[in-house]
Amino acid sequence: MSDSDTQAKLELVRLSYLASLQDKRDAIHENWQQLAKSWTPDNFDALYIILHGIAGSAETFGLPEVTQQARTLVDRLKLLSKSSPPGPAMLDNLAHDLDSFLSHLDTVHGR
């Protein structure tokens, strides 16, 4: 396999990852809506797992800023209880940070 073939295949993998970010973005939005309505361990974990996955993978595909934002959100979630919602100020801050992250994902994907 030539170097250009390898580069072309790697670019296809990168484009596939970028396309998957749209689905992950939508899943984050839906899971956040569920968690905000009903703060349960299952709803919490669903959101956490998606963000954790992005935090661990985005930099590999040339998106270090996405990794950093996702890590910040994961770290924030680690400070919260899975079974009881945080106070209103913390909830508002989390909502704001998630909205900013989703907006950033929109720009990465070109939405």
N, C-alpha and C. Protein backbone atom coordinates (compact mmCIF):
# COMPACT_ATOMS: atom_id res chain seq x y z
N MET A 1 0.86 -1.17 0.00
CA MET A 1 0.00 0.00 0.00
C MET A 1 0.91 1.23 0.00
N SER A 2 0.59 2.16 -0.87
CA SER A 2 1.41 3.37 -0.96
C SER A 2 1.06 4.34 0.17
N ASP A 3 1.96 5.29 0.35
CA ASP A 3 1.76 6.31 1.38
C ASP A 3 0.48 7.12 1.11
N SER A 4 0.23 7.41 -0.16
CA SER A 4 -0.99 8.17 -0.48
C SER A 4 -2.25 7.35 -0.23
N ASP A 5 -2.18 6.03 -0.45
CA ASP A 5 -3.32 5.16 -0.14
C ASP A 5 -3.59 5.16 1.36
N THR A 6 -2.54 5.07 2.14
CA THR A 6 -2.67 5.09 3.59
C THR A 6 -3.27 6.41 4.05
N GLN A 7 -2.77 7.51 3.51
CA GLN A 7 -3.30 8.83 3.86
C GLN A 7 -4.77 8.96 3.49
N ALA A 8 -5.13 8.44 2.33
CA ALA A 8 -6.52 8.50 1.88
C ALA A 8 -7.43 7.69 2.83
N LYS A 9 -6.96 6.52 3.26
CA LYS A 9 -7.75 5.70 4.18
C LYS A 9 -7.88 6.38 5.54
N LEU A 10 -6.79 6.97 6.00
CA LEU A 10 -6.85 7.69 7.27
C LEU A 10 -7.81 8.87 7.20
N GLU A 11 -7.83 9.55 6.07
CA GLU A 11 -8.75 10.67 5.91
C GLU A 11 -10.20 10.18 5.91
N LEU A 12 -10.46 9.03 5.33
CA LEU A 12 -11.81 8.46 5.36
C LEU A 12 -12.24 8.14 6.80
N VAL A 13 -11.30 7.61 7.58
CA VAL A 13 -11.60 7.31 8.99
C VAL A 13 -11.90 8.61 9.73
N ARG A 14 -11.11 9.64 9.47
CA ARG A 14 -11.33 10.95 10.12
C ARG A 14 -12.69 11.53 9.74
N LEU A 15 -13.03 11.45 8.45
CA LEU A 15 -14.33 11.96 8.00
C LEU A 15 -15.48 11.17 8.61
N SER A 16 -15.28 9.88 8.77
CA SER A 16 -16.31 9.05 9.41
C SER A 16 -16.49 9.47 10.87
N TYR A 17 -15.39 9.76 11.55
CA TYR A 17 -15.47 10.22 12.94
C TYR A 17 -16.21 11.56 13.00
N LEU A 18 -15.86 12.47 12.12
CA LEU A 18 -16.53 13.77 12.10
C LEU A 18 -18.03 13.61 11.88
N ALA A 19 -18.40 12.70 10.99
CA ALA A 19 -19.83 12.45 10.74
C ALA A 19 -20.49 11.87 11.99
N SER A 20 -19.77 11.02 12.72
CA SER A 20 -20.34 10.41 13.93
C SER A 20 -20.55 11.46 15.03
N LEU A 21 -19.78 12.55 14.98
CA LEU A 21 -19.96 13.60 15.98
C LEU A 21 -21.35 14.23 15.90
N GLN A 22 -21.93 14.24 14.73
CA GLN A 22 -23.28 14.78 14.60
C GLN A 22 -24.27 13.93 15.40
N ASP A 23 -24.15 12.62 15.27
CA ASP A 23 -25.02 11.72 16.04
C ASP A 23 -24.76 11.87 17.53
N LYS A 24 -23.49 11.99 17.90
CA LYS A 24 -23.15 12.15 19.31
C LYS A 24 -23.66 13.48 19.84
N ARG A 25 -23.58 14.51 19.03
CA ARG A 25 -24.08 15.83 19.41
C ARG A 25 -25.57 15.74 19.71
N ASP A 26 -26.31 15.09 18.81
CA ASP A 26 -27.75 14.93 19.00
C ASP A 26 -28.07 14.10 20.24
N ALA A 27 -27.26 13.06 20.47
CA ALA A 27 -27.46 12.21 21.65
C ALA A 27 -27.17 12.99 22.94
N ILE A 28 -26.15 13.83 22.92
CA ILE A 28 -25.86 14.66 24.10
C ILE A 28 -27.05 15.57 24.38
N HIS A 29 -27.55 16.20 23.35
CA HIS A 29 -28.70 17.10 23.52
C HIS A 29 -29.90 16.35 24.10
N GLU A 30 -30.22 15.21 23.52
CA GLU A 30 -31.38 14.43 24.00
C GLU A 30 -31.16 13.94 25.42
N ASN A 31 -29.97 13.44 25.71
CA ASN A 31 -29.69 12.94 27.06
C ASN A 31 -29.69 14.06 28.09
N TRP A 32 -29.22 15.23 27.71
CA TRP A 32 -29.27 16.35 28.64
C TRP A 32 -30.71 16.74 28.93
N GLN A 33 -31.55 16.76 27.90
CA GLN A 33 -32.96 17.08 28.10
C GLN A 33 -33.60 16.08 29.07
N GLN A 34 -33.27 14.81 28.90
CA GLN A 34 -33.81 13.77 29.80
C GLN A 34 -33.30 13.96 31.22
N LEU A 35 -32.00 14.23 31.35
CA LEU A 35 -31.42 14.39 32.67
C LEU A 35 -31.98 15.63 33.38
N ALA A 36 -32.14 16.70 32.64
CA ALA A 36 -32.68 17.93 33.24
C ALA A 36 -34.12 17.72 33.73
N LYS A 37 -34.88 16.87 33.02
CA LYS A 37 -36.27 16.58 33.43
C LYS A 37 -36.31 15.60 34.58
N SER A 38 -35.43 14.60 34.51
CA SER A 38 -35.47 13.52 35.50
C SER A 38 -34.04 13.09 35.82
N TRP A 39 -33.52 13.62 36.91
CA TRP A 39 -32.14 13.36 37.30
C TRP A 39 -32.05 11.99 37.94
N THR A 40 -31.72 11.00 37.12
CA THR A 40 -31.59 9.62 37.59
C THR A 40 -30.20 9.10 37.25
N PRO A 41 -29.75 8.07 37.94
CA PRO A 41 -28.43 7.50 37.61
C PRO A 41 -28.33 7.05 36.14
N ASP A 42 -29.40 6.47 35.60
CA ASP A 42 -29.36 6.02 34.20
C ASP A 42 -29.23 7.20 33.24
N ASN A 43 -29.99 8.27 33.47
CA ASN A 43 -29.90 9.45 32.61
C ASN A 43 -28.53 10.11 32.75
N PHE A 44 -28.04 10.16 33.97
CA PHE A 44 -26.71 10.73 34.22
C PHE A 44 -25.65 9.94 33.47
N ASP A 45 -25.68 8.62 33.62
CA ASP A 45 -24.68 7.77 32.98
C ASP A 45 -24.72 7.87 31.46
N ALA A 46 -25.91 7.98 30.89
CA ALA A 46 -26.03 8.08 29.44
C ALA A 46 -25.29 9.32 28.92
N LEU A 47 -25.47 10.43 29.58
CA LEU A 47 -24.78 11.66 29.18
C LEU A 47 -23.28 11.54 29.42
N TYR A 48 -22.92 11.04 30.58
CA TYR A 48 -21.51 10.91 30.95
C TYR A 48 -20.75 10.04 29.96
N ILE A 49 -21.32 8.92 29.58
CA ILE A 49 -20.64 7.97 28.69
C ILE A 49 -20.33 8.61 27.33
N ILE A 50 -21.27 9.34 26.78
CA ILE A 50 -21.04 9.98 25.48
C ILE A 50 -19.92 11.02 25.60
N LEU A 51 -20.01 11.87 26.61
CA LEU A 51 -18.99 12.91 26.79
C LEU A 51 -17.62 12.30 27.05
N HIS A 52 -17.57 11.25 27.84
CA HIS A 52 -16.31 10.58 28.15
C HIS A 52 -15.69 10.00 26.87
N GLY A 53 -16.52 9.43 26.03
CA GLY A 53 -16.03 8.87 24.76
C GLY A 53 -15.44 9.94 23.86
N ILE A 54 -16.10 11.07 23.77
CA ILE A 54 -15.59 12.17 22.95
C ILE A 54 -14.29 12.70 23.55
N ALA A 55 -14.25 12.83 24.86
CA ALA A 55 -13.04 13.32 25.52
C ALA A 55 -11.84 12.42 25.21
N GLY A 56 -12.09 11.15 25.08
CA GLY A 56 -11.01 10.21 24.82
C GLY A 56 -10.65 10.03 23.37
N SER A 57 -11.47 10.52 22.45
CA SER A 57 -11.22 10.22 21.03
C SER A 57 -10.99 11.44 20.15
N ALA A 58 -11.54 12.57 20.46
CA ALA A 58 -11.54 13.70 19.53
C ALA A 58 -10.13 14.17 19.16
N GLU A 59 -9.24 14.19 20.13
CA GLU A 59 -7.88 14.67 19.84
C GLU A 59 -7.18 13.77 18.83
N THR A 60 -7.47 12.49 18.86
CA THR A 60 -6.89 11.54 17.91
C THR A 60 -7.23 11.93 16.47
N PHE A 61 -8.37 12.58 16.31
CA PHE A 61 -8.83 12.96 14.98
C PHE A 61 -8.62 14.44 14.69
N GLY A 62 -7.68 15.05 15.42
CA GLY A 62 -7.30 16.43 15.14
C GLY A 62 -8.20 17.47 15.76
N LEU A 63 -8.91 17.11 16.82
CA LEU A 63 -9.83 18.04 17.45
C LEU A 63 -9.50 18.22 18.94
N PRO A 64 -8.33 18.76 19.24
CA PRO A 64 -7.93 18.90 20.65
C PRO A 64 -8.86 19.80 21.46
N GLU A 65 -9.45 20.80 20.82
CA GLU A 65 -10.35 21.70 21.55
C GLU A 65 -11.64 20.98 21.95
N VAL A 66 -12.08 20.07 21.12
CA VAL A 66 -13.27 19.28 21.45
C VAL A 66 -12.95 18.35 22.62
N THR A 67 -11.78 17.75 22.57
CA THR A 67 -11.35 16.90 23.69
C THR A 67 -11.32 17.69 24.99
N GLN A 68 -10.74 18.87 24.96
CA GLN A 68 -10.61 19.67 26.17
C GLN A 68 -11.98 20.07 26.73
N GLN A 69 -12.88 20.49 25.86
CA GLN A 69 -14.22 20.88 26.32
C GLN A 69 -14.96 19.67 26.90
N ALA A 70 -14.85 18.53 26.23
CA ALA A 70 -15.53 17.33 26.72
C ALA A 70 -14.93 16.90 28.06
N ARG A 71 -13.62 16.99 28.21
CA ARG A 71 -12.99 16.64 29.49
C ARG A 71 -13.47 17.55 30.61
N THR A 72 -13.59 18.82 30.31
CA THR A 72 -14.08 19.77 31.31
C THR A 72 -15.47 19.38 31.77
N LEU A 73 -16.34 19.01 30.83
CA LEU A 73 -17.69 18.60 31.18
C LEU A 73 -17.68 17.29 31.97
N VAL A 74 -16.85 16.36 31.58
CA VAL A 74 -16.74 15.09 32.31
C VAL A 74 -16.28 15.35 33.74
N ASP A 75 -15.26 16.20 33.88
CA ASP A 75 -14.77 16.53 35.22
C ASP A 75 -15.85 17.18 36.07
N ARG A 76 -16.65 18.00 35.44
CA ARG A 76 -17.75 18.65 36.16
C ARG A 76 -18.79 17.64 36.62
N LEU A 77 -19.12 16.72 35.72
CA LEU A 77 -20.09 15.69 36.07
C LEU A 77 -19.58 14.80 37.20
N LYS A 78 -18.28 14.54 37.23
CA LYS A 78 -17.71 13.70 38.30
C LYS A 78 -17.94 14.31 39.68
N LEU A 79 -18.11 15.61 39.73
CA LEU A 79 -18.31 16.28 41.01
C LEU A 79 -19.77 16.22 41.49
N LEU A 80 -20.65 15.75 40.62
CA LEU A 80 -22.07 15.74 40.93
C LEU A 80 -22.54 14.36 41.35
N SER A 81 -23.65 14.32 42.03
CA SER A 81 -24.29 13.07 42.42
C SER A 81 -25.11 12.55 41.25
N LYS A 82 -25.04 11.24 41.02
CA LYS A 82 -25.85 10.64 39.97
C LYS A 82 -27.33 10.62 40.32
N SER A 83 -27.62 10.59 41.62
CA SER A 83 -28.99 10.35 42.03
C SER A 83 -29.76 11.59 42.47
N SER A 84 -29.08 12.72 42.63
CA SER A 84 -29.84 13.92 42.98
C SER A 84 -29.26 15.12 42.24
N PRO A 85 -30.15 15.94 41.72
CA PRO A 85 -29.69 17.07 40.90
C PRO A 85 -28.93 18.11 41.73
N PRO A 86 -28.03 18.81 41.07
CA PRO A 86 -27.34 19.89 41.77
C PRO A 86 -28.29 21.07 41.98
N GLY A 87 -27.83 22.05 42.72
CA GLY A 87 -28.63 23.24 42.94
C GLY A 87 -28.85 24.01 41.64
N PRO A 88 -29.77 24.96 41.67
CA PRO A 88 -30.12 25.71 40.45
C PRO A 88 -28.94 26.41 39.78
N ALA A 89 -28.04 27.01 40.56
CA ALA A 89 -26.91 27.72 39.96
C ALA A 89 -25.98 26.75 39.23
N MET A 90 -25.68 25.61 39.86
CA MET A 90 -24.81 24.61 39.23
C MET A 90 -25.49 24.02 38.00
N LEU A 91 -26.79 23.80 38.08
CA LEU A 91 -27.54 23.27 36.94
C LEU A 91 -27.50 24.25 35.78
N ASP A 92 -27.68 25.53 36.06
CA ASP A 92 -27.62 26.55 35.01
C ASP A 92 -26.24 26.62 34.39
N ASN A 93 -25.20 26.54 35.22
CA ASN A 93 -23.83 26.57 34.70
C ASN A 93 -23.56 25.36 33.80
N LEU A 94 -24.01 24.20 34.23
CA LEU A 94 -23.84 23.00 33.44
C LEU A 94 -24.59 23.11 32.11
N ALA A 95 -25.81 23.62 32.17
CA ALA A 95 -26.59 23.81 30.95
C ALA A 95 -25.88 24.76 29.99
N HIS A 96 -25.34 25.83 30.52
CA HIS A 96 -24.62 26.80 29.69
C HIS A 96 -23.39 26.16 29.04
N ASP A 97 -22.63 25.41 29.83
CA ASP A 97 -21.43 24.76 29.29
C ASP A 97 -21.78 23.70 28.25
N LEU A 98 -22.84 22.96 28.48
CA LEU A 98 -23.28 21.98 27.49
C LEU A 98 -23.74 22.65 26.20
N ASP A 99 -24.49 23.75 26.32
CA ASP A 99 -24.91 24.50 25.13
C ASP A 99 -23.71 25.01 24.34
N SER A 100 -22.70 25.50 25.04
CA SER A 100 -21.49 25.98 24.37
C SER A 100 -20.79 24.83 23.65
N PHE A 101 -20.73 23.69 24.31
CA PHE A 101 -20.10 22.52 23.70
C PHE A 101 -20.86 22.08 22.46
N LEU A 102 -22.18 22.03 22.55
CA LEU A 102 -22.99 21.64 21.39
C LEU A 102 -22.82 22.62 20.24
N SER A 103 -22.75 23.89 20.56
CA SER A 103 -22.51 24.91 19.52
C SER A 103 -21.16 24.70 18.87
N HIS A 104 -20.17 24.37 19.68
CA HIS A 104 -18.84 24.10 19.12
C HIS A 104 -18.86 22.89 18.20
N LEU A 105 -19.57 21.84 18.62
CA LEU A 105 -19.69 20.66 17.76
C LEU A 105 -20.38 21.00 16.44
N ASP A 106 -21.34 21.93 16.50
CA ASP A 106 -22.00 22.37 15.26
C ASP A 106 -21.00 23.00 14.31
N THR A 107 -20.09 23.81 14.83
CA THR A 107 -19.11 24.47 13.96
C THR A 107 -18.10 23.46 13.41
N VAL A 108 -17.74 22.47 14.22
CA VAL A 108 -16.81 21.43 13.76
C VAL A 108 -17.44 20.65 12.62
N HIS A 109 -18.71 20.37 12.77
CA HIS A 109 -19.41 19.57 11.76
C HIS A 109 -19.88 20.42 10.59
N GLY A 110 -19.89 21.73 10.76
CA GLY A 110 -20.31 22.62 9.68
C GLY A 110 -21.81 22.77 9.57
N ARG A 111 -22.47 22.62 10.69
CA ARG A 111 -23.94 22.74 10.71
C ARG A 111 -24.38 24.16 10.54
